[in-house]
Amino acid sequence: MIRRHKESLGTIPLIRRWDPQEREHSEPLPFLFQHSRGPLRGVFSTSRIAKLLRTACTAAAEDRPEFEGLAFTPHDFRRIFATDLVNNGPPIHIGAALLGHANVQTTKGLRCRVR
């Protein structure tokens, strides 16, 4: 995803995302799952990403039977990213900021669960 953005734009654009739970727009951030319609850029909704993941899992199962019935959610990828980040990444306070955790203890909890 990062390579695709950088090849076409040189960097990942900072855009705002509407948060339906908070009922407000986020600060401009480099969201990975972006789309564009002409000059306008937006962020794919979690339901759209989930649908793309279901389609990819179904396609993978056609060639690889062991993938039959496999399902991923967008949050699964956040967990994978978070696990790798706390185990192999920058200092914990930077990881907490990247994950959007207001309290570093939330991020430290990830470290305890994954080891």
PDB file of N, CA and C in Angstrom:
ATOM      1  N   MET A   1       0.824  -1.190   0.000  1.00  0.00           N
ATOM      2  CA  MET A   1       0.000   0.000   0.000  1.00  0.00           C
ATOM      3  C   MET A   1       0.868   1.255   0.000  1.00  0.00           C
ATOM      4  N   ILE A   2       1.893   1.245   0.836  1.00  0.00           N
ATOM      5  CA  ILE A   2       2.764   2.418   0.923  1.00  0.00           C
ATOM      6  C   ILE A   2       3.455   2.644  -0.410  1.00  0.00           C
ATOM      7  N   ARG A   3       3.955   1.576  -1.026  1.00  0.00           N
ATOM      8  CA  ARG A   3       4.638   1.702  -2.310  1.00  0.00           C
ATOM      9  C   ARG A   3       3.698   2.285  -3.366  1.00  0.00           C
ATOM     10  N   ARG A   4       2.449   1.839  -3.388  1.00  0.00           N
ATOM     11  CA  ARG A   4       1.486   2.347  -4.375  1.00  0.00           C
ATOM     12  C   ARG A   4       1.271   3.854  -4.203  1.00  0.00           C
ATOM     13  N   HIS A   5       1.117   4.295  -2.973  1.00  0.00           N
ATOM     14  CA  HIS A   5       0.931   5.731  -2.732  1.00  0.00           C
ATOM     15  C   HIS A   5       2.173   6.523  -3.120  1.00  0.00           C
ATOM     16  N   LYS A   6       3.331   6.012  -2.744  1.00  0.00           N
ATOM     17  CA  LYS A   6       4.566   6.751  -3.008  1.00  0.00           C
ATOM     18  C   LYS A   6       4.912   6.799  -4.487  1.00  0.00           C
ATOM     19  N   GLU A   7       4.625   5.710  -5.218  1.00  0.00           N
ATOM     20  CA  GLU A   7       4.929   5.701  -6.647  1.00  0.00           C
ATOM     21  C   GLU A   7       4.107   6.738  -7.395  1.00  0.00           C
ATOM     22  N   SER A   8       2.847   6.888  -7.045  1.00  0.00           N
ATOM     23  CA  SER A   8       1.987   7.814  -7.775  1.00  0.00           C
ATOM     24  C   SER A   8       2.037   9.231  -7.212  1.00  0.00           C
ATOM     25  N   LEU A   9       2.309   9.376  -5.907  1.00  0.00           N
ATOM     26  CA  LEU A   9       2.216  10.699  -5.295  1.00  0.00           C
ATOM     27  C   LEU A   9       3.509  11.174  -4.628  1.00  0.00           C
ATOM     28  N   GLY A  10       4.467  10.283  -4.435  1.00  0.00           N
ATOM     29  CA  GLY A  10       5.708  10.656  -3.778  1.00  0.00           C
ATOM     30  C   GLY A  10       5.631  10.549  -2.264  1.00  0.00           C
ATOM     31  N   THR A  11       4.437  10.553  -1.723  1.00  0.00           N
ATOM     32  CA  THR A  11       4.233  10.424  -0.283  1.00  0.00           C
ATOM     33  C   THR A  11       2.793   9.976  -0.040  1.00  0.00           C
ATOM     34  N   ILE A  12       2.497   9.580   1.167  1.00  0.00           N
ATOM     35  CA  ILE A  12       1.119   9.222   1.502  1.00  0.00           C
ATOM     36  C   ILE A  12       0.400  10.510   1.888  1.00  0.00           C
ATOM     37  N   PRO A  13      -0.649  10.879   1.156  1.00  0.00           N
ATOM     38  CA  PRO A  13      -1.344  12.135   1.460  1.00  0.00           C
ATOM     39  C   PRO A  13      -1.987  12.118   2.847  1.00  0.00           C
ATOM     40  N   LEU A  14      -1.994  13.271   3.480  1.00  0.00           N
ATOM     41  CA  LEU A  14      -2.681  13.425   4.754  1.00  0.00           C
ATOM     42  C   LEU A  14      -4.114  13.818   4.461  1.00  0.00           C
ATOM     43  N   ILE A  15      -5.052  13.013   4.933  1.00  0.00           N
ATOM     44  CA  ILE A  15      -6.461  13.317   4.707  1.00  0.00           C
ATOM     45  C   ILE A  15      -7.246  13.095   5.996  1.00  0.00           C
ATOM     46  N   ARG A  16      -8.420  13.680   6.031  1.00  0.00           N
ATOM     47  CA  ARG A  16      -9.306  13.540   7.184  1.00  0.00           C
ATOM     48  C   ARG A  16     -10.276  12.388   6.933  1.00  0.00           C
ATOM     49  N   ARG A  17     -10.680  11.727   8.007  1.00  0.00           N
ATOM     50  CA  ARG A  17     -11.631  10.616   7.912  1.00  0.00           C
ATOM     51  C   ARG A  17     -12.791  10.891   8.857  1.00  0.00           C
ATOM     52  N   TRP A  18     -13.989  10.675   8.371  1.00  0.00           N
ATOM     53  CA  TRP A  18     -15.166  10.819   9.220  1.00  0.00           C
ATOM     54  C   TRP A  18     -15.274   9.606  10.129  1.00  0.00           C
ATOM     55  N   ASP A  19     -15.374   9.843  11.420  1.00  0.00           N
ATOM     56  CA  ASP A  19     -15.534   8.770  12.397  1.00  0.00           C
ATOM     57  C   ASP A  19     -16.994   8.724  12.810  1.00  0.00           C
ATOM     58  N   PRO A  20     -17.738   7.689  12.385  1.00  0.00           N
ATOM     59  CA  PRO A  20     -19.158   7.648  12.699  1.00  0.00           C
ATOM     60  C   PRO A  20     -19.457   7.483  14.195  1.00  0.00           C
ATOM     61  N   GLN A  21     -18.554   6.849  14.956  1.00  0.00           N
ATOM     62  CA  GLN A  21     -18.777   6.700  16.391  1.00  0.00           C
ATOM     63  C   GLN A  21     -18.568   8.035  17.125  1.00  0.00           C
ATOM     64  N   GLU A  22     -17.496   8.736  16.778  1.00  0.00           N
ATOM     65  CA  GLU A  22     -17.204  10.012  17.425  1.00  0.00           C
ATOM     66  C   GLU A  22     -18.001  11.165  16.813  1.00  0.00           C
ATOM     67  N   ARG A  23     -18.514  10.922  15.614  1.00  0.00           N
ATOM     68  CA  ARG A  23     -19.276  11.933  14.872  1.00  0.00           C
ATOM     69  C   ARG A  23     -18.468  13.208  14.638  1.00  0.00           C
ATOM     70  N   GLU A  24     -17.229  12.986  14.190  1.00  0.00           N
ATOM     71  CA  GLU A  24     -16.364  14.102  13.846  1.00  0.00           C
ATOM     72  C   GLU A  24     -15.276  13.616  12.893  1.00  0.00           C
ATOM     73  N   HIS A  25     -14.630  14.567  12.236  1.00  0.00           N
ATOM     74  CA  HIS A  25     -13.522  14.235  11.342  1.00  0.00           C
ATOM     75  C   HIS A  25     -12.236  14.127  12.148  1.00  0.00           C
ATOM     76  N   SER A  26     -11.377  13.241  11.718  1.00  0.00           N
ATOM     77  CA  SER A  26     -10.075  13.089  12.363  1.00  0.00           C
ATOM     78  C   SER A  26      -9.169  14.236  11.952  1.00  0.00           C
ATOM     79  N   GLU A  27      -8.051  14.323  12.615  1.00  0.00           N
ATOM     80  CA  GLU A  27      -6.992  15.216  12.154  1.00  0.00           C
ATOM     81  C   GLU A  27      -6.472  14.640  10.838  1.00  0.00           C
ATOM     82  N   PRO A  28      -5.846  15.447   9.989  1.00  0.00           N
ATOM     83  CA  PRO A  28      -5.262  14.890   8.755  1.00  0.00           C
ATOM     84  C   PRO A  28      -4.198  13.847   9.093  1.00  0.00           C
ATOM     85  N   LEU A  29      -4.376  12.638   8.552  1.00  0.00           N
ATOM     86  CA  LEU A  29      -3.473  11.517   8.824  1.00  0.00           C
ATOM     87  C   LEU A  29      -3.148  10.784   7.527  1.00  0.00           C
ATOM     88  N   PRO A  30      -2.034  10.031   7.507  1.00  0.00           N
ATOM     89  CA  PRO A  30      -1.659   9.281   6.298  1.00  0.00           C
ATOM     90  C   PRO A  30      -2.329   7.914   6.241  1.00  0.00           C
ATOM     91  N   PHE A  31      -3.639   7.881   6.064  1.00  0.00           N
ATOM     92  CA  PHE A  31      -4.364   6.619   6.002  1.00  0.00           C
ATOM     93  C   PHE A  31      -3.871   5.795   4.815  1.00  0.00           C
ATOM     94  N   LEU A  32      -3.670   4.504   5.035  1.00  0.00           N
ATOM     95  CA  LEU A  32      -3.172   3.639   3.965  1.00  0.00           C
ATOM     96  C   LEU A  32      -4.249   3.285   2.955  1.00  0.00           C
ATOM     97  N   PHE A  33      -5.468   3.055   3.403  1.00  0.00           N
ATOM     98  CA  PHE A  33      -6.537   2.619   2.515  1.00  0.00           C
ATOM     99  C   PHE A  33      -7.322   3.825   2.012  1.00  0.00           C
ATOM    100  N   GLN A  34      -6.723   4.511   1.050  1.00  0.00           N
ATOM    101  CA  GLN A  34      -7.308   5.711   0.461  1.00  0.00           C
ATOM    102  C   GLN A  34      -7.825   5.408  -0.938  1.00  0.00           C
ATOM    103  N   HIS A  35      -8.740   6.254  -1.379  1.00  0.00           N
ATOM    104  CA  HIS A  35      -9.217   6.196  -2.756  1.00  0.00           C
ATOM    105  C   HIS A  35      -9.311   7.622  -3.262  1.00  0.00           C
ATOM    106  N   SER A  36      -9.366   7.757  -4.561  1.00  0.00           N
ATOM    107  CA  SER A  36      -9.507   9.105  -5.124  1.00  0.00           C
ATOM    108  C   SER A  36     -10.578   9.092  -6.196  1.00  0.00           C
ATOM    109  N   ARG A  37     -11.271  10.186  -6.259  1.00  0.00           N
ATOM    110  CA  ARG A  37     -12.262  10.429  -7.303  1.00  0.00           C
ATOM    111  C   ARG A  37     -11.949  11.813  -7.847  1.00  0.00           C
ATOM    112  N   GLY A  38     -11.255  11.812  -8.957  1.00  0.00           N
ATOM    113  CA  GLY A  38     -10.789  13.094  -9.480  1.00  0.00           C
ATOM    114  C   GLY A  38      -9.806  13.700  -8.490  1.00  0.00           C
ATOM    115  N   PRO A  39      -9.990  14.967  -8.140  1.00  0.00           N
ATOM    116  CA  PRO A  39      -9.055  15.598  -7.207  1.00  0.00           C
ATOM    117  C   PRO A  39      -9.358  15.284  -5.739  1.00  0.00           C
ATOM    118  N   LEU A  40     -10.484  14.644  -5.467  1.00  0.00           N
ATOM    119  CA  LEU A  40     -10.880  14.369  -4.088  1.00  0.00           C
ATOM    120  C   LEU A  40     -10.329  13.032  -3.614  1.00  0.00           C
ATOM    121  N   ARG A  41      -9.846  13.009  -2.382  1.00  0.00           N
ATOM    122  CA  ARG A  41      -9.333  11.789  -1.778  1.00  0.00           C
ATOM    123  C   ARG A  41     -10.181  11.457  -0.570  1.00  0.00           C
ATOM    124  N   GLY A  42     -10.362  10.180  -0.322  1.00  0.00           N
ATOM    125  CA  GLY A  42     -11.114   9.727   0.836  1.00  0.00           C
ATOM    126  C   GLY A  42     -10.513   8.457   1.393  1.00  0.00           C
ATOM    127  N   VAL A  43     -11.068   7.992   2.479  1.00  0.00           N
ATOM    128  CA  VAL A  43     -10.603   6.775   3.133  1.00  0.00           C
ATOM    129  C   VAL A  43     -11.683   5.708   2.952  1.00  0.00           C
ATOM    130  N   PHE A  44     -11.268   4.494   2.589  1.00  0.00           N
ATOM    131  CA  PHE A  44     -12.217   3.399   2.487  1.00  0.00           C
ATOM    132  C   PHE A  44     -12.847   3.150   3.854  1.00  0.00           C
ATOM    133  N   SER A  45     -14.129   2.870   3.879  1.00  0.00           N
ATOM    134  CA  SER A  45     -14.799   2.530   5.131  1.00  0.00           C
ATOM    135  C   SER A  45     -14.358   1.130   5.558  1.00  0.00           C
ATOM    136  N   THR A  46     -14.531   0.838   6.835  1.00  0.00           N
ATOM    137  CA  THR A  46     -14.156  -0.496   7.314  1.00  0.00           C
ATOM    138  C   THR A  46     -15.024  -1.568   6.659  1.00  0.00           C
ATOM    139  N   SER A  47     -16.279  -1.229   6.347  1.00  0.00           N
ATOM    140  CA  SER A  47     -17.128  -2.231   5.675  1.00  0.00           C
ATOM    141  C   SER A  47     -16.631  -2.500   4.257  1.00  0.00           C
ATOM    142  N   ARG A  48     -16.137  -1.481   3.567  1.00  0.00           N
ATOM    143  CA  ARG A  48     -15.587  -1.676   2.218  1.00  0.00           C
ATOM    144  C   ARG A  48     -14.315  -2.522   2.276  1.00  0.00           C
ATOM    145  N   ILE A  49     -13.463  -2.247   3.240  1.00  0.00           N
ATOM    146  CA  ILE A  49     -12.230  -3.027   3.400  1.00  0.00           C
ATOM    147  C   ILE A  49     -12.577  -4.474   3.740  1.00  0.00           C
ATOM    148  N   ALA A  50     -13.569  -4.677   4.614  1.00  0.00           N
ATOM    149  CA  ALA A  50     -13.991  -6.037   4.972  1.00  0.00           C
ATOM    150  C   ALA A  50     -14.485  -6.785   3.733  1.00  0.00           C
ATOM    151  N   LYS A  51     -15.234  -6.097   2.870  1.00  0.00           N
ATOM    152  CA  LYS A  51     -15.725  -6.735   1.649  1.00  0.00           C
ATOM    153  C   LYS A  51     -14.555  -7.109   0.729  1.00  0.00           C
ATOM    154  N   LEU A  52     -13.572  -6.229   0.600  1.00  0.00           N
ATOM    155  CA  LEU A  52     -12.386  -6.530  -0.212  1.00  0.00           C
ATOM    156  C   LEU A  52     -11.629  -7.727   0.357  1.00  0.00           C
ATOM    157  N   LEU A  53     -11.535  -7.813   1.685  1.00  0.00           N
ATOM    158  CA  LEU A  53     -10.860  -8.946   2.318  1.00  0.00           C
ATOM    159  C   LEU A  53     -11.611 -10.251   2.070  1.00  0.00           C
ATOM    160  N   ARG A  54     -12.946 -10.218   2.166  1.00  0.00           N
ATOM    161  CA  ARG A  54     -13.737 -11.428   1.888  1.00  0.00           C
ATOM    162  C   ARG A  54     -13.524 -11.897   0.455  1.00  0.00           C
ATOM    163  N   THR A  55     -13.499 -10.945  -0.480  1.00  0.00           N
ATOM    164  CA  THR A  55     -13.278 -11.282  -1.886  1.00  0.00           C
ATOM    165  C   THR A  55     -11.898 -11.903  -2.077  1.00  0.00           C
ATOM    166  N   ALA A  56     -10.885 -11.330  -1.425  1.00  0.00           N
ATOM    167  CA  ALA A  56      -9.514 -11.859  -1.546  1.00  0.00           C
ATOM    168  C   ALA A  56      -9.410 -13.252  -0.939  1.00  0.00           C
ATOM    169  N   CYS A  57     -10.057 -13.480   0.194  1.00  0.00           N
ATOM    170  CA  CYS A  57     -10.030 -14.807   0.827  1.00  0.00           C
ATOM    171  C   CYS A  57     -10.724 -15.848  -0.045  1.00  0.00           C
ATOM    172  N   THR A  58     -11.834 -15.474  -0.649  1.00  0.00           N
ATOM    173  CA  THR A  58     -12.556 -16.394  -1.539  1.00  0.00           C
ATOM    174  C   THR A  58     -11.698 -16.733  -2.754  1.00  0.00           C
ATOM    175  N   ALA A  59     -11.037 -15.728  -3.322  1.00  0.00           N
ATOM    176  CA  ALA A  59     -10.171 -15.959  -4.481  1.00  0.00           C
ATOM    177  C   ALA A  59      -8.985 -16.848  -4.103  1.00  0.00           C
ATOM    178  N   ALA A  60      -8.408 -16.639  -2.937  1.00  0.00           N
ATOM    179  CA  ALA A  60      -7.274 -17.464  -2.499  1.00  0.00           C
ATOM    180  C   ALA A  60      -7.700 -18.910  -2.319  1.00  0.00           C
ATOM    181  N   ALA A  61      -8.919 -19.123  -1.842  1.00  0.00           N
ATOM    182  CA  ALA A  61      -9.413 -20.483  -1.592  1.00  0.00           C
ATOM    183  C   ALA A  61      -9.623 -21.266  -2.881  1.00  0.00           C
ATOM    184  N   GLU A  62      -9.804 -20.591  -4.000  1.00  0.00           N
ATOM    185  CA  GLU A  62      -9.989 -21.292  -5.270  1.00  0.00           C
ATOM    186  C   GLU A  62      -8.729 -22.076  -5.662  1.00  0.00           C
ATOM    187  N   ASP A  63      -7.554 -21.508  -5.380  1.00  0.00           N
ATOM    188  CA  ASP A  63      -6.289 -22.160  -5.719  1.00  0.00           C
ATOM    189  C   ASP A  63      -5.687 -22.931  -4.549  1.00  0.00           C
ATOM    190  N   ARG A  64      -6.046 -22.540  -3.334  1.00  0.00           N
ATOM    191  CA  ARG A  64      -5.455 -23.142  -2.144  1.00  0.00           C
ATOM    192  C   ARG A  64      -6.569 -23.582  -1.200  1.00  0.00           C
ATOM    193  N   PRO A  65      -6.956 -24.838  -1.220  1.00  0.00           N
ATOM    194  CA  PRO A  65      -8.092 -25.317  -0.419  1.00  0.00           C
ATOM    195  C   PRO A  65      -7.948 -25.052   1.078  1.00  0.00           C
ATOM    196  N   GLU A  66      -6.713 -24.953   1.571  1.00  0.00           N
ATOM    197  CA  GLU A  66      -6.529 -24.707   3.010  1.00  0.00           C
ATOM    198  C   GLU A  66      -7.054 -23.330   3.432  1.00  0.00           C
ATOM    199  N   PHE A  67      -7.308 -22.464   2.460  1.00  0.00           N
ATOM    200  CA  PHE A  67      -7.864 -21.143   2.766  1.00  0.00           C
ATOM    201  C   PHE A  67      -9.391 -21.130   2.750  1.00  0.00           C
ATOM    202  N   GLU A  68     -10.014 -22.256   2.480  1.00  0.00           N
ATOM    203  CA  GLU A  68     -11.476 -22.351   2.448  1.00  0.00           C
ATOM    204  C   GLU A  68     -12.049 -21.948   3.806  1.00  0.00           C
ATOM    205  N   GLY A  69     -12.985 -21.027   3.804  1.00  0.00           N
ATOM    206  CA  GLY A  69     -13.632 -20.570   5.027  1.00  0.00           C
ATOM    207  C   GLY A  69     -12.836 -19.557   5.828  1.00  0.00           C
ATOM    208  N   LEU A  70     -11.650 -19.194   5.358  1.00  0.00           N
ATOM    209  CA  LEU A  70     -10.810 -18.221   6.055  1.00  0.00           C
ATOM    210  C   LEU A  70     -11.434 -16.838   5.951  1.00  0.00           C
ATOM    211  N   ALA A  71     -11.404 -16.104   7.033  1.00  0.00           N
ATOM    212  CA  ALA A  71     -11.967 -14.754   7.027  1.00  0.00           C
ATOM    213  C   ALA A  71     -11.097 -13.834   7.868  1.00  0.00           C
ATOM    214  N   PHE A  72     -10.874 -12.631   7.387  1.00  0.00           N
ATOM    215  CA  PHE A  72     -10.130 -11.606   8.112  1.00  0.00           C
ATOM    216  C   PHE A  72     -11.016 -10.379   8.255  1.00  0.00           C
ATOM    217  N   THR A  73     -10.766  -9.613   9.292  1.00  0.00           N
ATOM    218  CA  THR A  73     -11.426  -8.322   9.457  1.00  0.00           C
ATOM    219  C   THR A  73     -10.349  -7.252   9.399  1.00  0.00           C
ATOM    220  N   PRO A  74     -10.719  -6.008   9.129  1.00  0.00           N
ATOM    221  CA  PRO A  74      -9.718  -4.934   9.160  1.00  0.00           C
ATOM    222  C   PRO A  74      -9.009  -4.864  10.517  1.00  0.00           C
ATOM    223  N   HIS A  75      -9.725  -5.146  11.589  1.00  0.00           N
ATOM    224  CA  HIS A  75      -9.107  -5.054  12.912  1.00  0.00           C
ATOM    225  C   HIS A  75      -8.054  -6.143  13.123  1.00  0.00           C
ATOM    226  N   ASP A  76      -8.182  -7.287  12.427  1.00  0.00           N
ATOM    227  CA  ASP A  76      -7.148  -8.326  12.501  1.00  0.00           C
ATOM    228  C   ASP A  76      -5.802  -7.763  12.058  1.00  0.00           C
ATOM    229  N   PHE A  77      -5.821  -6.945  11.015  1.00  0.00           N
ATOM    230  CA  PHE A  77      -4.574  -6.372  10.517  1.00  0.00           C
ATOM    231  C   PHE A  77      -4.021  -5.315  11.470  1.00  0.00           C
ATOM    232  N   ARG A  78      -4.900  -4.603  12.162  1.00  0.00           N
ATOM    233  CA  ARG A  78      -4.433  -3.663  13.182  1.00  0.00           C
ATOM    234  C   ARG A  78      -3.742  -4.443  14.302  1.00  0.00           C
ATOM    235  N   ARG A  79      -4.329  -5.573  14.694  1.00  0.00           N
ATOM    236  CA  ARG A  79      -3.707  -6.389  15.739  1.00  0.00           C
ATOM    237  C   ARG A  79      -2.335  -6.920  15.306  1.00  0.00           C
ATOM    238  N   ILE A  80      -2.248  -7.382  14.067  1.00  0.00           N
ATOM    239  CA  ILE A  80      -0.967  -7.877  13.554  1.00  0.00           C
ATOM    240  C   ILE A  80       0.069  -6.756  13.560  1.00  0.00           C
ATOM    241  N   PHE A  81      -0.338  -5.581  13.070  1.00  0.00           N
ATOM    242  CA  PHE A  81       0.554  -4.430  13.063  1.00  0.00           C
ATOM    243  C   PHE A  81       0.980  -4.073  14.484  1.00  0.00           C
ATOM    244  N   ALA A  82       0.024  -4.017  15.407  1.00  0.00           N
ATOM    245  CA  ALA A  82       0.323  -3.638  16.787  1.00  0.00           C
ATOM    246  C   ALA A  82       1.263  -4.643  17.445  1.00  0.00           C
ATOM    247  N   THR A  83       1.021  -5.924  17.219  1.00  0.00           N
ATOM    248  CA  THR A  83       1.877  -6.956  17.797  1.00  0.00           C
ATOM    249  C   THR A  83       3.308  -6.809  17.298  1.00  0.00           C
ATOM    250  N   ASP A  84       3.470  -6.649  15.991  1.00  0.00           N
ATOM    251  CA  ASP A  84       4.804  -6.481  15.433  1.00  0.00           C
ATOM    252  C   ASP A  84       5.450  -5.195  15.938  1.00  0.00           C
ATOM    253  N   LEU A  85       4.664  -4.151  16.052  1.00  0.00           N
ATOM    254  CA  LEU A  85       5.186  -2.863  16.503  1.00  0.00           C
ATOM    255  C   LEU A  85       5.735  -2.945  17.920  1.00  0.00           C
ATOM    256  N   VAL A  86       4.966  -3.514  18.845  1.00  0.00           N
ATOM    257  CA  VAL A  86       5.429  -3.543  20.232  1.00  0.00           C
ATOM    258  C   VAL A  86       6.559  -4.546  20.449  1.00  0.00           C
ATOM    259  N   ASN A  87       6.625  -5.583  19.617  1.00  0.00           N
ATOM    260  CA  ASN A  87       7.686  -6.572  19.792  1.00  0.00           C
ATOM    261  C   ASN A  87       8.975  -6.219  19.053  1.00  0.00           C
ATOM    262  N   ASN A  88       8.881  -5.484  17.963  1.00  0.00           N
ATOM    263  CA  ASN A  88      10.060  -5.254  17.124  1.00  0.00           C
ATOM    264  C   ASN A  88      10.265  -3.801  16.706  1.00  0.00           C
ATOM    265  N   GLY A  89       9.407  -2.919  17.159  1.00  0.00           N
ATOM    266  CA  GLY A  89       9.421  -1.565  16.637  1.00  0.00           C
ATOM    267  C   GLY A  89      10.111  -0.553  17.530  1.00  0.00           C
ATOM    268  N   PRO A  90       9.663   0.669  17.422  1.00  0.00           N
ATOM    269  CA  PRO A  90      10.261   1.779  18.167  1.00  0.00           C
ATOM    270  C   PRO A  90       9.918   1.693  19.656  1.00  0.00           C
ATOM    271  N   PRO A  91      10.418   2.641  20.457  1.00  0.00           N
ATOM    272  CA  PRO A  91      10.068   2.658  21.883  1.00  0.00           C
ATOM    273  C   PRO A  91       8.550   2.664  22.082  1.00  0.00           C
ATOM    274  N   ILE A  92       8.128   2.136  23.218  1.00  0.00           N
ATOM    275  CA  ILE A  92       6.705   1.893  23.477  1.00  0.00           C
ATOM    276  C   ILE A  92       5.861   3.164  23.387  1.00  0.00           C
ATOM    277  N   HIS A  93       6.389   4.312  23.806  1.00  0.00           N
ATOM    278  CA  HIS A  93       5.583   5.540  23.759  1.00  0.00           C
ATOM    279  C   HIS A  93       5.334   5.992  22.324  1.00  0.00           C
ATOM    280  N   ILE A  94       6.255   5.704  21.430  1.00  0.00           N
ATOM    281  CA  ILE A  94       6.050   6.036  20.014  1.00  0.00           C
ATOM    282  C   ILE A  94       5.036   5.067  19.413  1.00  0.00           C
ATOM    283  N   GLY A  95       5.140   3.796  19.761  1.00  0.00           N
ATOM    284  CA  GLY A  95       4.156   2.818  19.300  1.00  0.00           C
ATOM    285  C   GLY A  95       2.754   3.176  19.766  1.00  0.00           C
ATOM    286  N   ALA A  96       2.634   3.634  21.012  1.00  0.00           N
ATOM    287  CA  ALA A  96       1.326   4.041  21.541  1.00  0.00           C
ATOM    288  C   ALA A  96       0.757   5.195  20.723  1.00  0.00           C
ATOM    289  N   ALA A  97       1.593   6.158  20.386  1.00  0.00           N
ATOM    290  CA  ALA A  97       1.128   7.301  19.591  1.00  0.00           C
ATOM    291  C   ALA A  97       0.693   6.849  18.198  1.00  0.00           C
ATOM    292  N   LEU A  98       1.454   5.948  17.576  1.00  0.00           N
ATOM    293  CA  LEU A  98       1.094   5.453  16.242  1.00  0.00           C
ATOM    294  C   LEU A  98      -0.231   4.696  16.254  1.00  0.00           C
ATOM    295  N   LEU A  99      -0.497   3.993  17.335  1.00  0.00           N
ATOM    296  CA  LEU A  99      -1.735   3.226  17.447  1.00  0.00           C
ATOM    297  C   LEU A  99      -2.917   4.078  17.916  1.00  0.00           C
ATOM    298  N   GLY A 100      -2.628   5.305  18.330  1.00  0.00           N
ATOM    299  CA  GLY A 100      -3.699   6.181  18.798  1.00  0.00           C
ATOM    300  C   GLY A 100      -4.117   5.900  20.223  1.00  0.00           C
ATOM    301  N   HIS A 101      -3.256   5.252  21.003  1.00  0.00           N
ATOM    302  CA  HIS A 101      -3.568   4.965  22.395  1.00  0.00           C
ATOM    303  C   HIS A 101      -3.244   6.187  23.252  1.00  0.00           C
ATOM    304  N   ALA A 102      -4.219   6.660  23.993  1.00  0.00           N
ATOM    305  CA  ALA A 102      -4.015   7.812  24.870  1.00  0.00           C
ATOM    306  C   ALA A 102      -3.165   7.432  26.079  1.00  0.00           C
ATOM    307  N   ASN A 103      -3.218   6.171  26.474  1.00  0.00           N
ATOM    308  CA  ASN A 103      -2.492   5.703  27.639  1.00  0.00           C
ATOM    309  C   ASN A 103      -1.493   4.631  27.202  1.00  0.00           C
ATOM    310  N   VAL A 104      -0.237   4.822  27.530  1.00  0.00           N
ATOM    311  CA  VAL A 104       0.799   3.868  27.124  1.00  0.00           C
ATOM    312  C   VAL A 104       0.570   2.493  27.759  1.00  0.00           C
ATOM    313  N   GLN A 105      -0.178   2.422  28.863  1.00  0.00           N
ATOM    314  CA  GLN A 105      -0.476   1.138  29.499  1.00  0.00           C
ATOM    315  C   GLN A 105      -1.291   0.235  28.575  1.00  0.00           C
ATOM    316  N   THR A 106      -2.132   0.832  27.732  1.00  0.00           N
ATOM    317  CA  THR A 106      -2.897   0.053  26.758  1.00  0.00           C
ATOM    318  C   THR A 106      -1.943  -0.672  25.817  1.00  0.00           C
ATOM    319  N   THR A 107      -0.927   0.034  25.371  1.00  0.00           N
ATOM    320  CA  THR A 107       0.061  -0.546  24.464  1.00  0.00           C
ATOM    321  C   THR A 107       0.923  -1.565  25.193  1.00  0.00           C
ATOM    322  N   LYS A 108       1.291  -1.290  26.426  1.00  0.00           N
ATOM    323  CA  LYS A 108       2.077  -2.250  27.205  1.00  0.00           C
ATOM    324  C   LYS A 108       1.303  -3.547  27.394  1.00  0.00           C
ATOM    325  N   GLY A 109      -0.007  -3.466  27.498  1.00  0.00           N
ATOM    326  CA  GLY A 109      -0.837  -4.662  27.614  1.00  0.00           C
ATOM    327  C   GLY A 109      -0.685  -5.568  26.416  1.00  0.00           C
ATOM    328  N   LEU A 110      -0.487  -4.972  25.219  1.00  0.00           N
ATOM    329  CA  LEU A 110      -0.266  -5.765  24.025  1.00  0.00           C
ATOM    330  C   LEU A 110       1.011  -6.571  24.155  1.00  0.00           C
ATOM    331  N   ARG A 111       2.049  -5.936  24.680  1.00  0.00           N
ATOM    332  CA  ARG A 111       3.325  -6.612  24.817  1.00  0.00           C
ATOM    333  C   ARG A 111       3.190  -7.834  25.728  1.00  0.00           C
ATOM    334  N   CYS A 112       2.445  -7.696  26.813  1.00  0.00           N
ATOM    335  CA  CYS A 112       2.279  -8.818  27.748  1.00  0.00           C
ATOM    336  C   CYS A 112       1.529  -9.968  27.101  1.00  0.00           C
ATOM    337  N   ARG A 113       0.513  -9.657  26.296  1.00  0.00           N
ATOM    338  CA  ARG A 113      -0.316 -10.715  25.719  1.00  0.00           C
ATOM    339  C   ARG A 113       0.378 -11.462  24.590  1.00  0.00           C
ATOM    340  N   VAL A 114       1.293 -10.819  23.880  1.00  0.00           N
ATOM    341  CA  VAL A 114       1.838 -11.446  22.689  1.00  0.00           C
ATOM    342  C   VAL A 114       3.135 -12.186  22.932  1.00  0.00           C
ATOM    343  N   ARG A 115       3.710 -12.081  24.085  1.00  0.00           N
ATOM    344  CA  ARG A 115       4.989 -12.752  24.331  1.00  0.00           C
ATOM    345  C   ARG A 115       4.820 -14.122  24.894  1.00  0.00           C
TER     346      ARG A 115
END
